[in-house]
């Protein structure tokens, strides 16, 4: 390992060096760190989005089953209604 980085950064730096993208080890590790941080941030955002979608599905299911104690007003107008 280089400068006590984690294993993901080591793997990515090794790939960058092996593929010939970088020849300098320090540059490879700096770029690998950027790549890994970016990938982790994307994964975190995806996880947050999935959790939000699951909460919405759960609330919709509760509303559909009539079990939810959630204030809900459907404000969409239907074609036949005139107010």
PDB file of N, CA and C in Angstrom:
ATOM      1  N   UNK A   1       0.831  -1.185   0.000  1.00  0.00           N
ATOM      2  CA  UNK A   1       0.000   0.000   0.000  1.00  0.00           C
ATOM      3  C   UNK A   1       0.873   1.245   0.000  1.00  0.00           C
ATOM      4  N   UNK A   2       0.317   2.304  -0.522  1.00  0.00           N
ATOM      5  CA  UNK A   2       1.032   3.556  -0.666  1.00  0.00           C
ATOM      6  C   UNK A   2       0.390   4.606   0.227  1.00  0.00           C
ATOM      7  N   UNK A   3       1.139   5.159   1.148  1.00  0.00           N
ATOM      8  CA  UNK A   3       0.663   6.214   2.048  1.00  0.00           C
ATOM      9  C   UNK A   3      -0.611   5.814   2.810  1.00  0.00           C
ATOM     10  N   UNK A   4      -0.698   4.582   3.233  1.00  0.00           N
ATOM     11  CA  UNK A   4      -1.822   4.094   4.042  1.00  0.00           C
ATOM     12  C   UNK A   4      -3.194   4.294   3.400  1.00  0.00           C
ATOM     13  N   UNK A   5      -3.274   4.232   2.076  1.00  0.00           N
ATOM     14  CA  UNK A   5      -4.568   4.327   1.406  1.00  0.00           C
ATOM     15  C   UNK A   5      -5.326   3.026   1.561  1.00  0.00           C
ATOM     16  N   UNK A   6      -6.603   3.083   1.277  1.00  0.00           N
ATOM     17  CA  UNK A   6      -7.378   1.860   1.397  1.00  0.00           C
ATOM     18  C   UNK A   6      -7.200   0.985   0.156  1.00  0.00           C
ATOM     19  N   UNK A   7      -7.742  -0.213   0.242  1.00  0.00           N
ATOM     20  CA  UNK A   7      -7.519  -1.224  -0.789  1.00  0.00           C
ATOM     21  C   UNK A   7      -8.100  -0.828  -2.145  1.00  0.00           C
ATOM     22  N   UNK A   8      -9.250  -0.149  -2.147  1.00  0.00           N
ATOM     23  CA  UNK A   8      -9.876   0.248  -3.410  1.00  0.00           C
ATOM     24  C   UNK A   8      -8.978   1.214  -4.178  1.00  0.00           C
ATOM     25  N   UNK A   9      -8.368   2.138  -3.465  1.00  0.00           N
ATOM     26  CA  UNK A   9      -7.464   3.092  -4.114  1.00  0.00           C
ATOM     27  C   UNK A   9      -6.234   2.372  -4.634  1.00  0.00           C
ATOM     28  N   UNK A  10      -5.734   1.412  -3.861  1.00  0.00           N
ATOM     29  CA  UNK A  10      -4.578   0.630  -4.311  1.00  0.00           C
ATOM     30  C   UNK A  10      -4.883  -0.128  -5.602  1.00  0.00           C
ATOM     31  N   UNK A  11      -6.055  -0.761  -5.654  1.00  0.00           N
ATOM     32  CA  UNK A  11      -6.439  -1.512  -6.851  1.00  0.00           C
ATOM     33  C   UNK A  11      -6.561  -0.578  -8.055  1.00  0.00           C
ATOM     34  N   UNK A  12      -7.194   0.564  -7.849  1.00  0.00           N
ATOM     35  CA  UNK A  12      -7.396   1.505  -8.952  1.00  0.00           C
ATOM     36  C   UNK A  12      -6.056   2.077  -9.426  1.00  0.00           C
ATOM     37  N   UNK A  13      -5.173   2.401  -8.510  1.00  0.00           N
ATOM     38  CA  UNK A  13      -3.855   2.914  -8.884  1.00  0.00           C
ATOM     39  C   UNK A  13      -3.067   1.852  -9.644  1.00  0.00           C
ATOM     40  N   UNK A  14      -3.144   0.618  -9.183  1.00  0.00           N
ATOM     41  CA  UNK A  14      -2.457  -0.475  -9.879  1.00  0.00           C
ATOM     42  C   UNK A  14      -2.986  -0.616 -11.298  1.00  0.00           C
ATOM     43  N   UNK A  15      -4.321  -0.502 -11.458  1.00  0.00           N
ATOM     44  CA  UNK A  15      -4.924  -0.597 -12.789  1.00  0.00           C
ATOM     45  C   UNK A  15      -4.438   0.541 -13.686  1.00  0.00           C
ATOM     46  N   UNK A  16      -4.381   1.751 -13.133  1.00  0.00           N
ATOM     47  CA  UNK A  16      -3.915   2.900 -13.915  1.00  0.00           C
ATOM     48  C   UNK A  16      -2.456   2.733 -14.343  1.00  0.00           C
ATOM     49  N   UNK A  17      -1.648   2.185 -13.454  1.00  0.00           N
ATOM     50  CA  UNK A  17      -0.239   1.952 -13.781  1.00  0.00           C
ATOM     51  C   UNK A  17      -0.089   0.806 -14.784  1.00  0.00           C
ATOM     52  N   UNK A  18      -0.818  -0.283 -14.574  1.00  0.00           N
ATOM     53  CA  UNK A  18      -0.737  -1.441 -15.466  1.00  0.00           C
ATOM     54  C   UNK A  18      -1.236  -1.128 -16.868  1.00  0.00           C
ATOM     55  N   UNK A  19      -2.273  -0.296 -16.950  1.00  0.00           N
ATOM     56  CA  UNK A  19      -2.823   0.071 -18.259  1.00  0.00           C
ATOM     57  C   UNK A  19      -1.980   1.117 -18.976  1.00  0.00           C
ATOM     58  N   UNK A  20      -0.972   1.634 -18.297  1.00  0.00           N
ATOM     59  CA  UNK A  20      -0.093   2.620 -18.905  1.00  0.00           C
ATOM     60  C   UNK A  20      -0.682   4.011 -18.950  1.00  0.00           C
ATOM     61  N   UNK A  21      -1.756   4.251 -18.234  1.00  0.00           N
ATOM     62  CA  UNK A  21      -2.362   5.577 -18.212  1.00  0.00           C
ATOM     63  C   UNK A  21      -1.451   6.546 -17.467  1.00  0.00           C
ATOM     64  N   UNK A  22      -0.846   6.067 -16.396  1.00  0.00           N
ATOM     65  CA  UNK A  22       0.135   6.855 -15.641  1.00  0.00           C
ATOM     66  C   UNK A  22       1.404   6.031 -15.486  1.00  0.00           C
ATOM     67  N   UNK A  23       2.527   6.731 -15.478  1.00  0.00           N
ATOM     68  CA  UNK A  23       3.801   6.059 -15.225  1.00  0.00           C
ATOM     69  C   UNK A  23       4.347   6.439 -13.858  1.00  0.00           C
ATOM     70  N   UNK A  24       3.926   7.584 -13.344  1.00  0.00           N
ATOM     71  CA  UNK A  24       4.352   8.042 -12.027  1.00  0.00           C
ATOM     72  C   UNK A  24       3.395   7.499 -10.969  1.00  0.00           C
ATOM     73  N   UNK A  25       3.958   6.836  -9.972  1.00  0.00           N
ATOM     74  CA  UNK A  25       3.141   6.200  -8.938  1.00  0.00           C
ATOM     75  C   UNK A  25       2.315   7.214  -8.160  1.00  0.00           C
ATOM     76  N   UNK A  26       2.906   8.332  -7.817  1.00  0.00           N
ATOM     77  CA  UNK A  26       2.180   9.334  -7.034  1.00  0.00           C
ATOM     78  C   UNK A  26       1.000   9.908  -7.821  1.00  0.00           C
ATOM     79  N   UNK A  27       1.199  10.186  -9.091  1.00  0.00           N
ATOM     80  CA  UNK A  27       0.101  10.694  -9.925  1.00  0.00           C
ATOM     81  C   UNK A  27      -1.008   9.641 -10.047  1.00  0.00           C
ATOM     82  N   UNK A  28      -0.607   8.394 -10.197  1.00  0.00           N
ATOM     83  CA  UNK A  28      -1.591   7.318 -10.302  1.00  0.00           C
ATOM     84  C   UNK A  28      -2.432   7.224  -9.034  1.00  0.00           C
ATOM     85  N   UNK A  29      -1.778   7.348  -7.866  1.00  0.00           N
ATOM     86  CA  UNK A  29      -2.521   7.279  -6.613  1.00  0.00           C
ATOM     87  C   UNK A  29      -3.426   8.490  -6.413  1.00  0.00           C
ATOM     88  N   UNK A  30      -2.978   9.668  -6.832  1.00  0.00           N
ATOM     89  CA  UNK A  30      -3.824  10.855  -6.728  1.00  0.00           C
ATOM     90  C   UNK A  30      -5.074  10.713  -7.599  1.00  0.00           C
ATOM     91  N   UNK A  31      -4.894  10.250  -8.820  1.00  0.00           N
ATOM     92  CA  UNK A  31      -6.026  10.050  -9.724  1.00  0.00           C
ATOM     93  C   UNK A  31      -6.925   8.925  -9.228  1.00  0.00           C
ATOM     94  N   UNK A  32      -6.323   7.861  -8.722  1.00  0.00           N
ATOM     95  CA  UNK A  32      -7.102   6.734  -8.191  1.00  0.00           C
ATOM     96  C   UNK A  32      -7.955   7.185  -7.014  1.00  0.00           C
ATOM     97  N   UNK A  33      -7.390   8.038  -6.174  1.00  0.00           N
ATOM     98  CA  UNK A  33      -8.153   8.542  -5.029  1.00  0.00           C
ATOM     99  C   UNK A  33      -9.367   9.352  -5.495  1.00  0.00           C
ATOM    100  N   UNK A  34      -9.168  10.196  -6.509  1.00  0.00           N
ATOM    101  CA  UNK A  34     -10.283  10.975  -7.067  1.00  0.00           C
ATOM    102  C   UNK A  34     -11.366  10.058  -7.632  1.00  0.00           C
ATOM    103  N   UNK A  35     -10.944   9.039  -8.362  1.00  0.00           N
ATOM    104  CA  UNK A  35     -11.892   8.105  -8.985  1.00  0.00           C
ATOM    105  C   UNK A  35     -12.693   7.364  -7.921  1.00  0.00           C
ATOM    106  N   UNK A  36     -12.005   6.862  -6.901  1.00  0.00           N
ATOM    107  CA  UNK A  36     -12.671   6.079  -5.856  1.00  0.00           C
ATOM    108  C   UNK A  36     -13.623   6.959  -5.046  1.00  0.00           C
ATOM    109  N   UNK A  37     -13.204   8.165  -4.717  1.00  0.00           N
ATOM    110  CA  UNK A  37     -14.082   9.080  -3.975  1.00  0.00           C
ATOM    111  C   UNK A  37     -15.323   9.389  -4.795  1.00  0.00           C
ATOM    112  N   UNK A  38     -15.163   9.628  -6.085  1.00  0.00           N
ATOM    113  CA  UNK A  38     -16.292   9.909  -6.971  1.00  0.00           C
ATOM    114  C   UNK A  38     -17.244   8.708  -7.034  1.00  0.00           C
ATOM    115  N   UNK A  39     -16.695   7.515  -7.183  1.00  0.00           N
ATOM    116  CA  UNK A  39     -17.528   6.308  -7.238  1.00  0.00           C
ATOM    117  C   UNK A  39     -18.290   6.099  -5.934  1.00  0.00           C
ATOM    118  N   UNK A  40     -17.642   6.349  -4.812  1.00  0.00           N
ATOM    119  CA  UNK A  40     -18.303   6.186  -3.520  1.00  0.00           C
ATOM    120  C   UNK A  40     -19.421   7.214  -3.349  1.00  0.00           C
ATOM    121  N   UNK A  41     -19.187   8.442  -3.801  1.00  0.00           N
ATOM    122  CA  UNK A  41     -20.218   9.474  -3.710  1.00  0.00           C
ATOM    123  C   UNK A  41     -21.423   9.113  -4.578  1.00  0.00           C
ATOM    124  N   UNK A  42     -21.170   8.595  -5.784  1.00  0.00           N
ATOM    125  CA  UNK A  42     -22.269   8.168  -6.650  1.00  0.00           C
ATOM    126  C   UNK A  42     -23.053   7.021  -6.018  1.00  0.00           C
ATOM    127  N   UNK A  43     -22.345   6.088  -5.412  1.00  0.00           N
ATOM    128  CA  UNK A  43     -23.009   4.963  -4.757  1.00  0.00           C
ATOM    129  C   UNK A  43     -23.847   5.444  -3.575  1.00  0.00           C
ATOM    130  N   UNK A  44     -23.323   6.403  -2.839  1.00  0.00           N
ATOM    131  CA  UNK A  44     -24.057   6.950  -1.699  1.00  0.00           C
ATOM    132  C   UNK A  44     -25.318   7.664  -2.167  1.00  0.00           C
ATOM    133  N   UNK A  45     -25.206   8.463  -3.233  1.00  0.00           N
ATOM    134  CA  UNK A  45     -26.370   9.157  -3.773  1.00  0.00           C
ATOM    135  C   UNK A  45     -27.418   8.161  -4.278  1.00  0.00           C
ATOM    136  N   UNK A  46     -26.958   7.104  -4.930  1.00  0.00           N
ATOM    137  CA  UNK A  46     -27.867   6.072  -5.425  1.00  0.00           C
ATOM    138  C   UNK A  46     -28.595   5.406  -4.262  1.00  0.00           C
ATOM    139  N   UNK A  47     -27.872   5.113  -3.197  1.00  0.00           N
ATOM    140  CA  UNK A  47     -28.463   4.478  -2.027  1.00  0.00           C
ATOM    141  C   UNK A  47     -29.509   5.395  -1.387  1.00  0.00           C
ATOM    142  N   UNK A  48     -29.220   6.679  -1.277  1.00  0.00           N
ATOM    143  CA  UNK A  48     -30.167   7.636  -0.707  1.00  0.00           C
ATOM    144  C   UNK A  48     -31.420   7.698  -1.564  1.00  0.00           C
ATOM    145  N   UNK A  49     -31.234   7.721  -2.884  1.00  0.00           N
ATOM    146  CA  UNK A  49     -32.369   7.772  -3.805  1.00  0.00           C
ATOM    147  C   UNK A  49     -33.227   6.514  -3.683  1.00  0.00           C
ATOM    148  N   UNK A  50     -32.583   5.350  -3.565  1.00  0.00           N
ATOM    149  CA  UNK A  50     -33.319   4.094  -3.434  1.00  0.00           C
ATOM    150  C   UNK A  50     -34.107   4.049  -2.123  1.00  0.00           C
ATOM    151  N   UNK A  51     -33.503   4.542  -1.037  1.00  0.00           N
ATOM    152  CA  UNK A  51     -34.199   4.580   0.250  1.00  0.00           C
ATOM    153  C   UNK A  51     -35.421   5.486   0.165  1.00  0.00           C
ATOM    154  N   UNK A  52     -35.286   6.621  -0.515  1.00  0.00           N
ATOM    155  CA  UNK A  52     -36.395   7.548  -0.674  1.00  0.00           C
ATOM    156  C   UNK A  52     -37.519   6.904  -1.481  1.00  0.00           C
ATOM    157  N   UNK A  53     -37.150   6.211  -2.568  1.00  0.00           N
ATOM    158  CA  UNK A  53     -38.154   5.533  -3.385  1.00  0.00           C
ATOM    159  C   UNK A  53     -38.890   4.467  -2.574  1.00  0.00           C
ATOM    160  N   UNK A  54     -38.167   3.738  -1.731  1.00  0.00           N
ATOM    161  CA  UNK A  54     -38.799   2.707  -0.914  1.00  0.00           C
ATOM    162  C   UNK A  54     -39.767   3.332   0.098  1.00  0.00           C
ATOM    163  N   UNK A  55     -39.410   4.479   0.667  1.00  0.00           N
ATOM    164  CA  UNK A  55     -40.308   5.160   1.598  1.00  0.00           C
ATOM    165  C   UNK A  55     -41.580   5.594   0.880  1.00  0.00           C
ATOM    166  N   UNK A  56     -41.428   6.137  -0.327  1.00  0.00           N
ATOM    167  CA  UNK A  56     -42.584   6.575  -1.100  1.00  0.00           C
ATOM    168  C   UNK A  56     -43.488   5.384  -1.416  1.00  0.00           C
ATOM    169  N   UNK A  57     -42.892   4.261  -1.860  1.00  0.00           N
ATOM    170  CA  UNK A  57     -43.679   3.060  -2.155  1.00  0.00           C
ATOM    171  C   UNK A  57     -44.431   2.586  -0.918  1.00  0.00           C
ATOM    172  N   UNK A  58     -43.766   2.616   0.223  1.00  0.00           N
ATOM    173  CA  UNK A  58     -44.380   2.177   1.465  1.00  0.00           C
ATOM    174  C   UNK A  58     -45.570   3.064   1.822  1.00  0.00           C
ATOM    175  N   UNK A  59     -45.403   4.364   1.694  1.00  0.00           N
ATOM    176  CA  UNK A  59     -46.488   5.298   2.000  1.00  0.00           C
ATOM    177  C   UNK A  59     -47.644   5.108   1.028  1.00  0.00           C
ATOM    178  N   UNK A  60     -47.340   4.956  -0.262  1.00  0.00           N
ATOM    179  CA  UNK A  60     -48.395   4.736  -1.258  1.00  0.00           C
ATOM    180  C   UNK A  60     -49.158   3.449  -0.954  1.00  0.00           C
ATOM    181  N   UNK A  61     -48.439   2.405  -0.552  1.00  0.00           N
ATOM    182  CA  UNK A  61     -49.078   1.134  -0.232  1.00  0.00           C
ATOM    183  C   UNK A  61     -49.991   1.291   0.980  1.00  0.00           C
ATOM    184  N   UNK A  62     -49.521   2.010   1.991  1.00  0.00           N
ATOM    185  CA  UNK A  62     -50.329   2.244   3.178  1.00  0.00           C
ATOM    186  C   UNK A  62     -51.580   3.046   2.833  1.00  0.00           C
ATOM    187  N   UNK A  63     -51.434   4.049   2.001  1.00  0.00           N
ATOM    188  CA  UNK A  63     -52.578   4.856   1.584  1.00  0.00           C
ATOM    189  C   UNK A  63     -53.561   4.007   0.801  1.00  0.00           C
ATOM    190  N   UNK A  64     -53.049   3.194  -0.104  1.00  0.00           N
ATOM    191  CA  UNK A  64     -53.902   2.329  -0.915  1.00  0.00           C
ATOM    192  C   UNK A  64     -54.667   1.312  -0.092  1.00  0.00           C
ATOM    193  N   UNK A  65     -54.052   0.841   0.985  1.00  0.00           N
ATOM    194  CA  UNK A  65     -54.701  -0.142   1.848  1.00  0.00           C
ATOM    195  C   UNK A  65     -55.572   0.510   2.912  1.00  0.00           C
ATOM    196  N   UNK A  66     -55.511   1.826   3.018  1.00  0.00           N
ATOM    197  CA  UNK A  66     -56.312   2.544   4.007  1.00  0.00           C
ATOM    198  C   UNK A  66     -55.764   2.473   5.412  1.00  0.00           C
ATOM    199  N   UNK A  67     -54.512   2.097   5.580  1.00  0.00           N
ATOM    200  CA  UNK A  67     -53.931   1.968   6.910  1.00  0.00           C
ATOM    201  C   UNK A  67     -53.113   3.174   7.331  1.00  0.00           C
ATOM    202  N   UNK A  68     -52.870   4.094   6.448  1.00  0.00           N
ATOM    203  CA  UNK A  68     -51.966   5.199   6.749  1.00  0.00           C
ATOM    204  C   UNK A  68     -52.681   6.275   7.546  1.00  0.00           C
ATOM    205  N   UNK A  69     -51.996   6.818   8.513  1.00  0.00           N
ATOM    206  CA  UNK A  69     -52.486   7.960   9.266  1.00  0.00           C
ATOM    207  C   UNK A  69     -51.721   9.187   8.761  1.00  0.00           C
ATOM    208  N   UNK A  70     -51.748   9.363   7.451  1.00  0.00           N
ATOM    209  CA  UNK A  70     -50.993  10.424   6.800  1.00  0.00           C
ATOM    210  C   UNK A  70     -51.994  11.357   6.134  1.00  0.00           C
ATOM    211  N   UNK A  71     -51.917  12.654   6.421  1.00  0.00           N
ATOM    212  CA  UNK A  71     -52.831  13.575   5.741  1.00  0.00           C
ATOM    213  C   UNK A  71     -52.531  13.594   4.250  1.00  0.00           C
ATOM    214  N   UNK A  72     -53.511  13.290   3.467  1.00  0.00           N
ATOM    215  CA  UNK A  72     -53.312  13.194   2.022  1.00  0.00           C
ATOM    216  C   UNK A  72     -54.547  13.732   1.327  1.00  0.00           C
ATOM    217  N   UNK A  73     -54.340  14.703   0.458  1.00  0.00           N
ATOM    218  CA  UNK A  73     -55.435  15.250  -0.313  1.00  0.00           C
ATOM    219  C   UNK A  73     -55.036  15.162  -1.777  1.00  0.00           C
ATOM    220  N   UNK A  74     -55.880  14.514  -2.538  1.00  0.00           N
ATOM    221  CA  UNK A  74     -55.619  14.422  -3.968  1.00  0.00           C
ATOM    222  C   UNK A  74     -56.145  15.695  -4.612  1.00  0.00           C
ATOM    223  N   UNK A  75     -55.237  16.553  -5.057  1.00  0.00           N
ATOM    224  CA  UNK A  75     -55.627  17.854  -5.592  1.00  0.00           C
ATOM    225  C   UNK A  75     -55.788  17.852  -7.108  1.00  0.00           C
ATOM    226  N   UNK A  76     -55.638  16.707  -7.722  1.00  0.00           N
ATOM    227  CA  UNK A  76     -55.804  16.645  -9.171  1.00  0.00           C
ATOM    228  C   UNK A  76     -57.275  16.775  -9.518  1.00  0.00           C
ATOM    229  N   UNK A  77     -57.554  17.571 -10.518  1.00  0.00           N
ATOM    230  CA  UNK A  77     -58.930  17.721 -10.973  1.00  0.00           C
ATOM    231  C   UNK A  77     -59.213  16.643 -12.002  1.00  0.00           C
ATOM    232  N   UNK A  78     -60.424  16.133 -11.941  1.00  0.00           N
ATOM    233  CA  UNK A  78     -60.839  15.151 -12.925  1.00  0.00           C
ATOM    234  C   UNK A  78     -61.486  15.880 -14.097  1.00  0.00           C
ATOM    235  N   UNK A  79     -61.501  15.275 -15.235  1.00  0.00           N
ATOM    236  CA  UNK A  79     -62.003  15.905 -16.450  1.00  0.00           C
ATOM    237  C   UNK A  79     -63.440  16.376 -16.310  1.00  0.00           C
ATOM    238  N   UNK A  80     -64.254  15.659 -15.589  1.00  0.00           N
ATOM    239  CA  UNK A  80     -65.675  15.996 -15.502  1.00  0.00           C
ATOM    240  C   UNK A  80     -65.984  17.031 -14.443  1.00  0.00           C
ATOM    241  N   UNK A  81     -65.020  17.406 -13.604  1.00  0.00           N
ATOM    242  CA  UNK A  81     -65.283  18.325 -12.522  1.00  0.00           C
ATOM    243  C   UNK A  81     -65.065  19.776 -12.954  1.00  0.00           C
ATOM    244  N   UNK A  82     -65.932  20.645 -12.489  1.00  0.00           N
ATOM    245  CA  UNK A  82     -65.777  22.086 -12.719  1.00  0.00           C
ATOM    246  C   UNK A  82     -65.987  22.793 -11.397  1.00  0.00           C
ATOM    247  N   UNK A  83     -64.977  23.517 -10.982  1.00  0.00           N
ATOM    248  CA  UNK A  83     -65.097  24.253  -9.724  1.00  0.00           C
ATOM    249  C   UNK A  83     -64.799  25.702  -9.924  1.00  0.00           C
TER     250      UNK A  83
END
